[in-house]
Amino acid sequence: QVQLVESGGGLVQPGGSLQLSCAASGGIFSRYTMAWYRQAPGKQREKVAAVTIGSTTNYADSVKGRFTISRDNAKNTVVLQMSSLKPEDTAVYYCYADLFGMKSNVYWGQGTQVTVSS
C-alpha cells in the first residue's frame, strides 16, 4: 500500500509561484508513474502533469510552459513547480501514483489547496 502526502499549497497572488511536493512511502517509488491532478469547485478532476518511470514528462495544455514536474527517486518525492499562476489554477491538487503506469494499481494523496487570488 502506497501512501502519498502532499505539501506546499497555499494562497498566492496572480503571477506568483508555488511549489508542491508529494512524499511517497510504502512502495518502490521508481516503479510508479507519478502525476498531479487538480479539481476546481464544480469541475471534473483533471490531470495537470505526469512523469513516467523513465522520467518522460507531459503536461496539460493549460499549464505548459508554466508548470514543471520532476521526480527524485532517491528521496521518493515528486515536485510540481508552478509559476505565472492564474486565478483559474485555483483548485485542490492531488498527487497520484500508478504502478508501472498500467492504471491497475493507483493511489491518491489527500490533496492540497492552491488558491490564486489578489
PDB file of N, CA and C in Angstrom:
ATOM      1  N   GLN A   1       0.842  -1.192   0.000  1.00  0.00           N
ATOM      2  CA  GLN A   1       0.000   0.000   0.000  1.00  0.00           C
ATOM      3  C   GLN A   1       0.875   1.239   0.000  1.00  0.00           C
ATOM      4  N   VAL A   2       0.619   2.115  -0.941  1.00  0.00           N
ATOM      5  CA  VAL A   2       1.408   3.339  -1.066  1.00  0.00           C
ATOM      6  C   VAL A   2       0.678   4.484  -0.385  1.00  0.00           C
ATOM      7  N   GLN A   3       1.396   5.248   0.385  1.00  0.00           N
ATOM      8  CA  GLN A   3       0.847   6.458   0.989  1.00  0.00           C
ATOM      9  C   GLN A   3       1.498   7.669   0.319  1.00  0.00           C
ATOM     10  N   LEU A   4       0.661   8.638   0.001  1.00  0.00           N
ATOM     11  CA  LEU A   4       1.123   9.867  -0.651  1.00  0.00           C
ATOM     12  C   LEU A   4       0.707  11.053   0.196  1.00  0.00           C
ATOM     13  N   VAL A   5       1.651  11.907   0.504  1.00  0.00           N
ATOM     14  CA  VAL A   5       1.368  13.075   1.335  1.00  0.00           C
ATOM     15  C   VAL A   5       1.844  14.327   0.613  1.00  0.00           C
ATOM     16  N   GLU A   6       0.896  15.191   0.277  1.00  0.00           N
ATOM     17  CA  GLU A   6       1.215  16.436  -0.415  1.00  0.00           C
ATOM     18  C   GLU A   6       1.508  17.553   0.588  1.00  0.00           C
ATOM     19  N   SER A   7       2.294  18.502   0.133  1.00  0.00           N
ATOM     20  CA  SER A   7       2.551  19.693   0.926  1.00  0.00           C
ATOM     21  C   SER A   7       2.876  20.840  -0.024  1.00  0.00           C
ATOM     22  N   GLY A   8       2.778  22.066   0.496  1.00  0.00           N
ATOM     23  CA  GLY A   8       3.192  23.222  -0.279  1.00  0.00           C
ATOM     24  C   GLY A   8       2.079  24.087  -0.817  1.00  0.00           C
ATOM     25  N   GLY A   9       0.840  23.683  -0.617  1.00  0.00           N
ATOM     26  CA  GLY A   9      -0.262  24.506  -1.098  1.00  0.00           C
ATOM     27  C   GLY A   9      -0.389  25.788  -0.296  1.00  0.00           C
ATOM     28  N   GLY A  10      -1.251  26.675  -0.780  1.00  0.00           N
ATOM     29  CA  GLY A  10      -1.474  27.921  -0.067  1.00  0.00           C
ATOM     30  C   GLY A  10      -2.081  28.983  -0.956  1.00  0.00           C
ATOM     31  N   LEU A  11      -2.031  30.197  -0.468  1.00  0.00           N
ATOM     32  CA  LEU A  11      -2.572  31.351  -1.181  1.00  0.00           C
ATOM     33  C   LEU A  11      -1.425  32.108  -1.853  1.00  0.00           C
ATOM     34  N   VAL A  12      -1.603  32.415  -3.123  1.00  0.00           N
ATOM     35  CA  VAL A  12      -0.579  33.148  -3.863  1.00  0.00           C
ATOM     36  C   VAL A  12      -1.266  34.143  -4.796  1.00  0.00           C
ATOM     37  N   GLN A  13      -0.598  35.251  -5.048  1.00  0.00           N
ATOM     38  CA  GLN A  13      -1.163  36.259  -5.942  1.00  0.00           C
ATOM     39  C   GLN A  13      -0.996  35.845  -7.399  1.00  0.00           C
ATOM     40  N   PRO A  14      -1.852  36.335  -8.263  1.00  0.00           N
ATOM     41  CA  PRO A  14      -1.678  36.065  -9.696  1.00  0.00           C
ATOM     42  C   PRO A  14      -0.287  36.470 -10.169  1.00  0.00           C
ATOM     43  N   GLY A  15       0.303  35.613 -10.980  1.00  0.00           N
ATOM     44  CA  GLY A  15       1.664  35.850 -11.439  1.00  0.00           C
ATOM     45  C   GLY A  15       2.719  35.271 -10.538  1.00  0.00           C
ATOM     46  N   GLY A  16       2.327  34.799  -9.382  1.00  0.00           N
ATOM     47  CA  GLY A  16       3.271  34.259  -8.420  1.00  0.00           C
ATOM     48  C   GLY A  16       3.632  32.811  -8.689  1.00  0.00           C
ATOM     49  N   SER A  17       4.444  32.272  -7.785  1.00  0.00           N
ATOM     50  CA  SER A  17       4.921  30.905  -7.918  1.00  0.00           C
ATOM     51  C   SER A  17       4.644  30.124  -6.645  1.00  0.00           C
ATOM     52  N   LEU A  18       4.570  28.811  -6.825  1.00  0.00           N
ATOM     53  CA  LEU A  18       4.335  27.925  -5.695  1.00  0.00           C
ATOM     54  C   LEU A  18       4.911  26.566  -6.056  1.00  0.00           C
ATOM     55  N   GLN A  19       5.431  25.867  -5.058  1.00  0.00           N
ATOM     56  CA  GLN A  19       5.956  24.530  -5.288  1.00  0.00           C
ATOM     57  C   GLN A  19       5.205  23.535  -4.429  1.00  0.00           C
ATOM     58  N   LEU A  20       4.671  22.510  -5.080  1.00  0.00           N
ATOM     59  CA  LEU A  20       4.017  21.413  -4.376  1.00  0.00           C
ATOM     60  C   LEU A  20       4.960  20.218  -4.320  1.00  0.00           C
ATOM     61  N   SER A  21       4.939  19.534  -3.199  1.00  0.00           N
ATOM     62  CA  SER A  21       5.735  18.315  -3.047  1.00  0.00           C
ATOM     63  C   SER A  21       4.833  17.163  -2.640  1.00  0.00           C
ATOM     64  N   CYS A  22       5.221  15.981  -3.056  1.00  0.00           N
ATOM     65  CA  CYS A  22       4.492  14.780  -2.685  1.00  0.00           C
ATOM     66  C   CYS A  22       5.511  13.755  -2.216  1.00  0.00           C
ATOM     67  N   ALA A  23       5.373  13.323  -0.986  1.00  0.00           N
ATOM     68  CA  ALA A  23       6.250  12.303  -0.424  1.00  0.00           C
ATOM     69  C   ALA A  23       5.540  10.964  -0.445  1.00  0.00           C
ATOM     70  N   ALA A  24       6.200   9.974  -1.014  1.00  0.00           N
ATOM     71  CA  ALA A  24       5.613   8.644  -1.134  1.00  0.00           C
ATOM     72  C   ALA A  24       6.292   7.666  -0.188  1.00  0.00           C
ATOM     73  N   SER A  25       5.507   6.737   0.309  1.00  0.00           N
ATOM     74  CA  SER A  25       6.049   5.681   1.155  1.00  0.00           C
ATOM     75  C   SER A  25       5.235   4.405   0.956  1.00  0.00           C
ATOM     76  N   GLY A  26       5.828   3.285   1.302  1.00  0.00           N
ATOM     77  CA  GLY A  26       5.110   2.026   1.252  1.00  0.00           C
ATOM     78  C   GLY A  26       5.251   1.246  -0.035  1.00  0.00           C
ATOM     79  N   GLY A  27       6.003   1.764  -0.987  1.00  0.00           N
ATOM     80  CA  GLY A  27       6.190   1.057  -2.247  1.00  0.00           C
ATOM     81  C   GLY A  27       7.554   1.366  -2.827  1.00  0.00           C
ATOM     82  N   ILE A  28       7.866   0.749  -3.952  1.00  0.00           N
ATOM     83  CA  ILE A  28       9.131   1.036  -4.627  1.00  0.00           C
ATOM     84  C   ILE A  28       8.864   2.181  -5.586  1.00  0.00           C
ATOM     85  N   PHE A  29       9.246   3.356  -5.165  1.00  0.00           N
ATOM     86  CA  PHE A  29       8.860   4.597  -5.842  1.00  0.00           C
ATOM     87  C   PHE A  29       9.227   4.589  -7.317  1.00  0.00           C
ATOM     88  N   SER A  30      10.375   4.042  -7.641  1.00  0.00           N
ATOM     89  CA  SER A  30      10.853   4.085  -9.017  1.00  0.00           C
ATOM     90  C   SER A  30       9.982   3.276  -9.979  1.00  0.00           C
ATOM     91  N   ARG A  31       9.075   2.473  -9.452  1.00  0.00           N
ATOM     92  CA  ARG A  31       8.188   1.662 -10.288  1.00  0.00           C
ATOM     93  C   ARG A  31       6.877   2.365 -10.633  1.00  0.00           C
ATOM     94  N   TYR A  32       6.721   3.579 -10.163  1.00  0.00           N
ATOM     95  CA  TYR A  32       5.446   4.273 -10.326  1.00  0.00           C
ATOM     96  C   TYR A  32       5.553   5.454 -11.276  1.00  0.00           C
ATOM     97  N   THR A  33       4.620   5.513 -12.223  1.00  0.00           N
ATOM     98  CA  THR A  33       4.371   6.776 -12.895  1.00  0.00           C
ATOM     99  C   THR A  33       3.713   7.689 -11.873  1.00  0.00           C
ATOM    100  N   MET A  34       4.191   8.922 -11.784  1.00  0.00           N
ATOM    101  CA  MET A  34       3.667   9.881 -10.815  1.00  0.00           C
ATOM    102  C   MET A  34       3.002  11.035 -11.567  1.00  0.00           C
ATOM    103  N   ALA A  35       1.976  11.574 -10.964  1.00  0.00           N
ATOM    104  CA  ALA A  35       1.259  12.663 -11.625  1.00  0.00           C
ATOM    105  C   ALA A  35       0.634  13.592 -10.601  1.00  0.00           C
ATOM    106  N   TRP A  36       0.286  14.751 -11.082  1.00  0.00           N
ATOM    107  CA  TRP A  36      -0.512  15.698 -10.312  1.00  0.00           C
ATOM    108  C   TRP A  36      -1.829  15.929 -11.053  1.00  0.00           C
ATOM    109  N   TYR A  37      -2.909  15.873 -10.295  1.00  0.00           N
ATOM    110  CA  TYR A  37      -4.234  16.202 -10.792  1.00  0.00           C
ATOM    111  C   TYR A  37      -4.738  17.403  -9.990  1.00  0.00           C
ATOM    112  N   ARG A  38      -5.769  18.018 -10.505  1.00  0.00           N
ATOM    113  CA  ARG A  38      -6.415  19.077  -9.741  1.00  0.00           C
ATOM    114  C   ARG A  38      -7.910  19.053  -9.978  1.00  0.00           C
ATOM    115  N   GLN A  39      -8.617  19.576  -9.002  1.00  0.00           N
ATOM    116  CA  GLN A  39     -10.073  19.665  -9.114  1.00  0.00           C
ATOM    117  C   GLN A  39     -10.531  20.988  -8.545  1.00  0.00           C
ATOM    118  N   ALA A  40     -11.126  21.788  -9.400  1.00  0.00           N
ATOM    119  CA  ALA A  40     -11.703  23.065  -9.000  1.00  0.00           C
ATOM    120  C   ALA A  40     -13.161  22.850  -8.626  1.00  0.00           C
ATOM    121  N   PRO A  41     -13.729  23.740  -7.821  1.00  0.00           N
ATOM    122  CA  PRO A  41     -15.129  23.590  -7.415  1.00  0.00           C
ATOM    123  C   PRO A  41     -16.052  23.491  -8.622  1.00  0.00           C
ATOM    124  N   GLY A  42     -16.898  22.482  -8.612  1.00  0.00           N
ATOM    125  CA  GLY A  42     -17.858  22.314  -9.685  1.00  0.00           C
ATOM    126  C   GLY A  42     -17.303  21.763 -10.977  1.00  0.00           C
ATOM    127  N   LYS A  43     -16.032  21.364 -10.962  1.00  0.00           N
ATOM    128  CA  LYS A  43     -15.403  20.849 -12.182  1.00  0.00           C
ATOM    129  C   LYS A  43     -14.885  19.431 -11.965  1.00  0.00           C
ATOM    130  N   GLN A  44     -14.650  18.758 -13.094  1.00  0.00           N
ATOM    131  CA  GLN A  44     -14.087  17.414 -13.044  1.00  0.00           C
ATOM    132  C   GLN A  44     -12.611  17.484 -12.660  1.00  0.00           C
ATOM    133  N   ARG A  45     -12.145  16.407 -12.053  1.00  0.00           N
ATOM    134  CA  ARG A  45     -10.728  16.307 -11.768  1.00  0.00           C
ATOM    135  C   ARG A  45      -9.975  16.163 -13.092  1.00  0.00           C
ATOM    136  N   GLU A  46      -8.872  16.892 -13.240  1.00  0.00           N
ATOM    137  CA  GLU A  46      -8.110  16.846 -14.481  1.00  0.00           C
ATOM    138  C   GLU A  46      -6.636  16.610 -14.195  1.00  0.00           C
ATOM    139  N   LYS A  47      -5.984  15.946 -15.129  1.00  0.00           N
ATOM    140  CA  LYS A  47      -4.561  15.713 -14.986  1.00  0.00           C
ATOM    141  C   LYS A  47      -3.805  16.970 -15.381  1.00  0.00           C
ATOM    142  N   VAL A  48      -2.864  17.354 -14.527  1.00  0.00           N
ATOM    143  CA  VAL A  48      -2.081  18.563 -14.749  1.00  0.00           C
ATOM    144  C   VAL A  48      -0.740  18.222 -15.389  1.00  0.00           C
ATOM    145  N   ALA A  49      -0.073  17.234 -14.804  1.00  0.00           N
ATOM    146  CA  ALA A  49       1.258  16.858 -15.281  1.00  0.00           C
ATOM    147  C   ALA A  49       1.582  15.457 -14.807  1.00  0.00           C
ATOM    148  N   ALA A  50       2.439  14.779 -15.555  1.00  0.00           N
ATOM    149  CA  ALA A  50       2.853  13.432 -15.185  1.00  0.00           C
ATOM    150  C   ALA A  50       4.320  13.227 -15.528  1.00  0.00           C
ATOM    151  N   VAL A  51       4.944  12.330 -14.777  1.00  0.00           N
ATOM    152  CA  VAL A  51       6.320  11.937 -15.070  1.00  0.00           C
ATOM    153  C   VAL A  51       6.386  10.412 -14.979  1.00  0.00           C
ATOM    154  N   THR A  52       6.862   9.797 -16.047  1.00  0.00           N
ATOM    155  CA  THR A  52       6.882   8.339 -16.113  1.00  0.00           C
ATOM    156  C   THR A  52       8.074   7.758 -15.360  1.00  0.00           C
ATOM    157  N   ILE A  53       8.126   6.431 -15.344  1.00  0.00           N
ATOM    158  CA  ILE A  53       9.237   5.727 -14.729  1.00  0.00           C
ATOM    159  C   ILE A  53      10.551   6.150 -15.388  1.00  0.00           C
ATOM    160  N   GLY A  54      10.497   6.394 -16.673  1.00  0.00           N
ATOM    161  CA  GLY A  54      11.689   6.807 -17.407  1.00  0.00           C
ATOM    162  C   GLY A  54      11.927   8.304 -17.419  1.00  0.00           C
ATOM    163  N   SER A  55      11.141   9.022 -16.589  1.00  0.00           N
ATOM    164  CA  SER A  55      11.253  10.480 -16.439  1.00  0.00           C
ATOM    165  C   SER A  55      10.785  11.269 -17.651  1.00  0.00           C
ATOM    166  N   THR A  56       9.985  10.648 -18.504  1.00  0.00           N
ATOM    167  CA  THR A  56       9.312  11.419 -19.553  1.00  0.00           C
ATOM    168  C   THR A  56       8.178  12.208 -18.910  1.00  0.00           C
ATOM    169  N   THR A  57       8.042  13.451 -19.306  1.00  0.00           N
ATOM    170  CA  THR A  57       7.010  14.299 -18.712  1.00  0.00           C
ATOM    171  C   THR A  57       5.965  14.685 -19.747  1.00  0.00           C
ATOM    172  N   ASN A  58       4.773  14.940 -19.278  1.00  0.00           N
ATOM    173  CA  ASN A  58       3.740  15.512 -20.134  1.00  0.00           C
ATOM    174  C   ASN A  58       2.850  16.422 -19.295  1.00  0.00           C
ATOM    175  N   TYR A  59       2.245  17.382 -19.984  1.00  0.00           N
ATOM    176  CA  TYR A  59       1.505  18.442 -19.303  1.00  0.00           C
ATOM    177  C   TYR A  59       0.183  18.722 -19.991  1.00  0.00           C
ATOM    178  N   ALA A  60      -0.767  19.166 -19.202  1.00  0.00           N
ATOM    179  CA  ALA A  60      -1.998  19.685 -19.777  1.00  0.00           C
ATOM    180  C   ALA A  60      -1.668  20.960 -20.553  1.00  0.00           C
ATOM    181  N   ASP A  61      -2.384  21.191 -21.625  1.00  0.00           N
ATOM    182  CA  ASP A  61      -2.117  22.383 -22.440  1.00  0.00           C
ATOM    183  C   ASP A  61      -2.203  23.666 -21.619  1.00  0.00           C
ATOM    184  N   SER A  62      -3.102  23.664 -20.647  1.00  0.00           N
ATOM    185  CA  SER A  62      -3.350  24.872 -19.866  1.00  0.00           C
ATOM    186  C   SER A  62      -2.174  25.260 -18.970  1.00  0.00           C
ATOM    187  N   VAL A  63      -1.240  24.339 -18.733  1.00  0.00           N
ATOM    188  CA  VAL A  63      -0.122  24.642 -17.830  1.00  0.00           C
ATOM    189  C   VAL A  63       1.238  24.552 -18.518  1.00  0.00           C
ATOM    190  N   LYS A  64       1.259  24.169 -19.779  1.00  0.00           N
ATOM    191  CA  LYS A  64       2.532  24.054 -20.497  1.00  0.00           C
ATOM    192  C   LYS A  64       3.285  25.366 -20.465  1.00  0.00           C
ATOM    193  N   GLY A  65       4.569  25.274 -20.158  1.00  0.00           N
ATOM    194  CA  GLY A  65       5.406  26.454 -20.108  1.00  0.00           C
ATOM    195  C   GLY A  65       5.359  27.178 -18.774  1.00  0.00           C
ATOM    196  N   ARG A  66       4.433  26.790 -17.918  1.00  0.00           N
ATOM    197  CA  ARG A  66       4.305  27.438 -16.598  1.00  0.00           C
ATOM    198  C   ARG A  66       4.606  26.478 -15.442  1.00  0.00           C
ATOM    199  N   PHE A  67       4.275  25.213 -15.620  1.00  0.00           N
ATOM    200  CA  PHE A  67       4.459  24.212 -14.571  1.00  0.00           C
ATOM    201  C   PHE A  67       5.557  23.241 -14.996  1.00  0.00           C
ATOM    202  N   THR A  68       6.285  22.739 -14.004  1.00  0.00           N
ATOM    203  CA  THR A  68       7.305  21.730 -14.244  1.00  0.00           C
ATOM    204  C   THR A  68       7.182  20.626 -13.204  1.00  0.00           C
ATOM    205  N   ILE A  69       7.101  19.394 -13.677  1.00  0.00           N
ATOM    206  CA  ILE A  69       7.052  18.247 -12.777  1.00  0.00           C
ATOM    207  C   ILE A  69       8.408  17.560 -12.795  1.00  0.00           C
ATOM    208  N   SER A  70       8.821  17.088 -11.624  1.00  0.00           N
ATOM    209  CA  SER A  70      10.090  16.366 -11.534  1.00  0.00           C
ATOM    210  C   SER A  70       9.996  15.329 -10.431  1.00  0.00           C
ATOM    211  N   ARG A  71      10.830  14.321 -10.522  1.00  0.00           N
ATOM    212  CA  ARG A  71      10.825  13.269  -9.509  1.00  0.00           C
ATOM    213  C   ARG A  71      12.243  13.047  -9.000  1.00  0.00           C
ATOM    214  N   ASP A  72      12.322  12.631  -7.757  1.00  0.00           N
ATOM    215  CA  ASP A  72      13.598  12.274  -7.146  1.00  0.00           C
ATOM    216  C   ASP A  72      13.430  10.883  -6.545  1.00  0.00           C
ATOM    217  N   ASN A  73      13.911   9.892  -7.242  1.00  0.00           N
ATOM    218  CA  ASN A  73      13.724   8.516  -6.791  1.00  0.00           C
ATOM    219  C   ASN A  73      14.497   8.214  -5.514  1.00  0.00           C
ATOM    220  N   ALA A  74      15.558   8.938  -5.270  1.00  0.00           N
ATOM    221  CA  ALA A  74      16.332   8.720  -4.051  1.00  0.00           C
ATOM    222  C   ALA A  74      15.586   9.221  -2.816  1.00  0.00           C
ATOM    223  N   LYS A  75      14.747  10.238  -3.025  1.00  0.00           N
ATOM    224  CA  LYS A  75      14.004  10.826  -1.902  1.00  0.00           C
ATOM    225  C   LYS A  75      12.536  10.439  -1.917  1.00  0.00           C
ATOM    226  N   ASN A  76      12.137   9.633  -2.912  1.00  0.00           N
ATOM    227  CA  ASN A  76      10.724   9.207  -3.026  1.00  0.00           C
ATOM    228  C   ASN A  76       9.770  10.398  -3.064  1.00  0.00           C
ATOM    229  N   THR A  77      10.142  11.394  -3.839  1.00  0.00           N
ATOM    230  CA  THR A  77       9.309  12.585  -3.925  1.00  0.00           C
ATOM    231  C   THR A  77       9.070  12.993  -5.379  1.00  0.00           C
ATOM    232  N   VAL A  78       7.952  13.639  -5.584  1.00  0.00           N
ATOM    233  CA  VAL A  78       7.646  14.265  -6.863  1.00  0.00           C
ATOM    234  C   VAL A  78       7.244  15.710  -6.561  1.00  0.00           C
ATOM    235  N   VAL A  79       7.741  16.599  -7.371  1.00  0.00           N
ATOM    236  CA  VAL A  79       7.545  18.034  -7.148  1.00  0.00           C
ATOM    237  C   VAL A  79       6.855  18.646  -8.348  1.00  0.00           C
ATOM    238  N   LEU A  80       5.938  19.562  -8.063  1.00  0.00           N
ATOM    239  CA  LEU A  80       5.313  20.342  -9.124  1.00  0.00           C
ATOM    240  C   LEU A  80       5.663  21.802  -8.868  1.00  0.00           C
ATOM    241  N   GLN A  81       6.500  22.355  -9.720  1.00  0.00           N
ATOM    242  CA  GLN A  81       6.869  23.760  -9.629  1.00  0.00           C
ATOM    243  C   GLN A  81       5.908  24.546 -10.516  1.00  0.00           C
ATOM    244  N   MET A  82       5.189  25.484  -9.900  1.00  0.00           N
ATOM    245  CA  MET A  82       4.175  26.246 -10.617  1.00  0.00           C
ATOM    246  C   MET A  82       4.586  27.717 -10.654  1.00  0.00           C
ATOM    247  N   SER A  83       4.553  28.310 -11.806  1.00  0.00           N
ATOM    248  CA  SER A  83       4.882  29.724 -11.931  1.00  0.00           C
ATOM    249  C   SER A  83       3.834  30.417 -12.811  1.00  0.00           C
ATOM    250  N   SER A  84       3.893  31.727 -12.840  1.00  0.00           N
ATOM    251  CA  SER A  84       2.927  32.540 -13.603  1.00  0.00           C
ATOM    252  C   SER A  84       1.503  32.077 -13.310  1.00  0.00           C
ATOM    253  N   LEU A  85       1.211  31.905 -12.044  1.00  0.00           N
ATOM    254  CA  LEU A  85      -0.080  31.345 -11.646  1.00  0.00           C
ATOM    255  C   LEU A  85      -1.217  32.291 -11.982  1.00  0.00           C
ATOM    256  N   LYS A  86      -2.345  31.679 -12.325  1.00  0.00           N
ATOM    257  CA  LYS A  86      -3.546  32.416 -12.716  1.00  0.00           C
ATOM    258  C   LYS A  86      -4.679  32.036 -11.781  1.00  0.00           C
ATOM    259  N   PRO A  87      -5.674  32.888 -11.666  1.00  0.00           N
ATOM    260  CA  PRO A  87      -6.827  32.541 -10.816  1.00  0.00           C
ATOM    261  C   PRO A  87      -7.462  31.205 -11.215  1.00  0.00           C
ATOM    262  N   GLU A  88      -7.431  30.876 -12.479  1.00  0.00           N
ATOM    263  CA  GLU A  88      -8.023  29.614 -12.926  1.00  0.00           C
ATOM    264  C   GLU A  88      -7.194  28.387 -12.527  1.00  0.00           C
ATOM    265  N   ASP A  89      -6.036  28.595 -11.946  1.00  0.00           N
ATOM    266  CA  ASP A  89      -5.257  27.482 -11.408  1.00  0.00           C
ATOM    267  C   ASP A  89      -5.730  27.108 -10.002  1.00  0.00           C
ATOM    268  N   THR A  90      -6.630  27.893  -9.457  1.00  0.00           N
ATOM    269  CA  THR A  90      -7.164  27.603  -8.126  1.00  0.00           C
ATOM    270  C   THR A  90      -7.883  26.264  -8.122  1.00  0.00           C
ATOM    271  N   ALA A  91      -7.473  25.384  -7.220  1.00  0.00           N
ATOM    272  CA  ALA A  91      -8.036  24.038  -7.158  1.00  0.00           C
ATOM    273  C   ALA A  91      -7.398  23.288  -5.990  1.00  0.00           C
ATOM    274  N   VAL A  92      -7.964  22.129  -5.700  1.00  0.00           N
ATOM    275  CA  VAL A  92      -7.276  21.170  -4.832  1.00  0.00           C
ATOM    276  C   VAL A  92      -6.391  20.320  -5.733  1.00  0.00           C
ATOM    277  N   TYR A  93      -5.131  20.233  -5.374  1.00  0.00           N
ATOM    278  CA  TYR A  93      -4.161  19.473  -6.171  1.00  0.00           C
ATOM    279  C   TYR A  93      -3.877  18.145  -5.481  1.00  0.00           C
ATOM    280  N   TYR A  94      -3.932  17.082  -6.282  1.00  0.00           N
ATOM    281  CA  TYR A  94      -3.771  15.729  -5.764  1.00  0.00           C
ATOM    282  C   TYR A  94      -2.545  15.060  -6.383  1.00  0.00           C
ATOM    283  N   CYS A  95      -1.797  14.380  -5.558  1.00  0.00           N
ATOM    284  CA  CYS A  95      -0.707  13.544  -6.026  1.00  0.00           C
ATOM    285  C   CYS A  95      -1.257  12.165  -6.375  1.00  0.00           C
ATOM    286  N   TYR A  96      -0.696  11.562  -7.402  1.00  0.00           N
ATOM    287  CA  TYR A  96      -1.218  10.302  -7.944  1.00  0.00           C
ATOM    288  C   TYR A  96      -0.055   9.396  -8.283  1.00  0.00           C
ATOM    289  N   ALA A  97      -0.177   8.119  -7.942  1.00  0.00           N
ATOM    290  CA  ALA A  97       0.850   7.133  -8.253  1.00  0.00           C
ATOM    291  C   ALA A  97       0.218   5.963  -8.984  1.00  0.00           C
ATOM    292  N   ASP A  98       0.872   5.504 -10.030  1.00  0.00           N
ATOM    293  CA  ASP A  98       0.340   4.438 -10.883  1.00  0.00           C
ATOM    294  C   ASP A  98       1.454   3.420 -11.103  1.00  0.00           C
ATOM    295  N   LEU A  99       1.264   2.215 -10.524  1.00  0.00           N
ATOM    296  CA  LEU A  99       2.294   1.193 -10.619  1.00  0.00           C
ATOM    297  C   LEU A  99       2.548   0.799 -12.066  1.00  0.00           C
ATOM    298  N   PHE A 100       3.743   0.994 -12.528  1.00  0.00           N
ATOM    299  CA  PHE A 100       4.178   0.696 -13.896  1.00  0.00           C
ATOM    300  C   PHE A 100       3.366   1.438 -14.960  1.00  0.00           C
ATOM    301  N   GLY A 101       2.588   2.415 -14.535  1.00  0.00           N
ATOM    302  CA  GLY A 101       1.798   3.177 -15.492  1.00  0.00           C
ATOM    303  C   GLY A 101       0.678   2.381 -16.126  1.00  0.00           C
ATOM    304  N   MET A 102       0.243   1.325 -15.466  1.00  0.00           N
ATOM    305  CA  MET A 102      -0.736   0.424 -16.066  1.00  0.00           C
ATOM    306  C   MET A 102      -2.170   0.693 -15.629  1.00  0.00           C
ATOM    307  N   LYS A 103      -2.340   1.668 -14.714  1.00  0.00           N
ATOM    308  CA  LYS A 103      -3.668   2.083 -14.254  1.00  0.00           C
ATOM    309  C   LYS A 103      -4.443   0.961 -13.560  1.00  0.00           C
ATOM    310  N   SER A 104      -3.754  -0.059 -13.096  1.00  0.00           N
ATOM    311  CA  SER A 104      -4.432  -1.122 -12.369  1.00  0.00           C
ATOM    312  C   SER A 104      -4.184  -1.043 -10.867  1.00  0.00           C
ATOM    313  N   ASN A 105      -3.105  -0.418 -10.463  1.00  0.00           N
ATOM    314  CA  ASN A 105      -2.812  -0.171  -9.055  1.00  0.00           C
ATOM    315  C   ASN A 105      -2.465   1.305  -8.915  1.00  0.00           C
ATOM    316  N   VAL A 106      -3.446   2.076  -8.519  1.00  0.00           N
ATOM    317  CA  VAL A 106      -3.262   3.522  -8.441  1.00  0.00           C
ATOM    318  C   VAL A 106      -3.568   3.999  -7.034  1.00  0.00           C
ATOM    319  N   TYR A 107      -2.915   5.099  -6.663  1.00  0.00           N
ATOM    320  CA  TYR A 107      -3.064   5.649  -5.329  1.00  0.00           C
ATOM    321  C   TYR A 107      -3.160   7.160  -5.422  1.00  0.00           C
ATOM    322  N   TRP A 108      -3.893   7.720  -4.450  1.00  0.00           N
ATOM    323  CA  TRP A 108      -4.117   9.169  -4.408  1.00  0.00           C
ATOM    324  C   TRP A 108      -3.685   9.727  -3.066  1.00  0.00           C
ATOM    325  N   GLY A 109      -3.190  10.951  -3.088  1.00  0.00           N
ATOM    326  CA  GLY A 109      -2.973  11.682  -1.863  1.00  0.00           C
ATOM    327  C   GLY A 109      -4.264  12.331  -1.414  1.00  0.00           C
ATOM    328  N   GLN A 110      -4.195  13.020  -0.288  1.00  0.00           N
ATOM    329  CA  GLN A 110      -5.400  13.616   0.288  1.00  0.00           C
ATOM    330  C   GLN A 110      -5.716  14.984  -0.319  1.00  0.00           C
ATOM    331  N   GLY A 111      -4.762  15.541  -1.037  1.00  0.00           N
ATOM    332  CA  GLY A 111      -4.986  16.828  -1.712  1.00  0.00           C
ATOM    333  C   GLY A 111      -4.462  18.013  -0.913  1.00  0.00           C
ATOM    334  N   THR A 112      -4.080  19.040  -1.643  1.00  0.00           N
ATOM    335  CA  THR A 112      -3.638  20.292  -1.021  1.00  0.00           C
ATOM    336  C   THR A 112      -4.243  21.463  -1.792  1.00  0.00           C
ATOM    337  N   GLN A 113      -4.745  22.437  -1.067  1.00  0.00           N
ATOM    338  CA  GLN A 113      -5.457  23.554  -1.691  1.00  0.00           C
ATOM    339  C   GLN A 113      -4.464  24.584  -2.222  1.00  0.00           C
ATOM    340  N   VAL A 114      -4.676  24.995  -3.461  1.00  0.00           N
ATOM    341  CA  VAL A 114      -3.941  26.106  -4.059  1.00  0.00           C
ATOM    342  C   VAL A 114      -4.962  27.166  -4.444  1.00  0.00           C
ATOM    343  N   THR A 115      -4.776  28.363  -3.927  1.00  0.00           N
ATOM    344  CA  THR A 115      -5.671  29.470  -4.222  1.00  0.00           C
ATOM    345  C   THR A 115      -4.857  30.611  -4.817  1.00  0.00           C
ATOM    346  N   VAL A 116      -5.251  31.035  -6.013  1.00  0.00           N
ATOM    347  CA  VAL A 116      -4.571  32.142  -6.691  1.00  0.00           C
ATOM    348  C   VAL A 116      -5.536  33.317  -6.705  1.00  0.00           C
ATOM    349  N   SER A 117      -5.207  34.320  -5.921  1.00  0.00           N
ATOM    350  CA  SER A 117      -6.123  35.453  -5.768  1.00  0.00           C
ATOM    351  C   SER A 117      -5.353  36.670  -5.271  1.00  0.00           C
ATOM    352  N   SER A 118      -5.829  37.824  -5.686  1.00  0.00           N
ATOM    353  CA  SER A 118      -5.231  39.058  -5.188  1.00  0.00           C
ATOM    354  C   SER A 118      -5.990  39.562  -3.968  1.00  0.00           C
TER     355      SER A 118
END
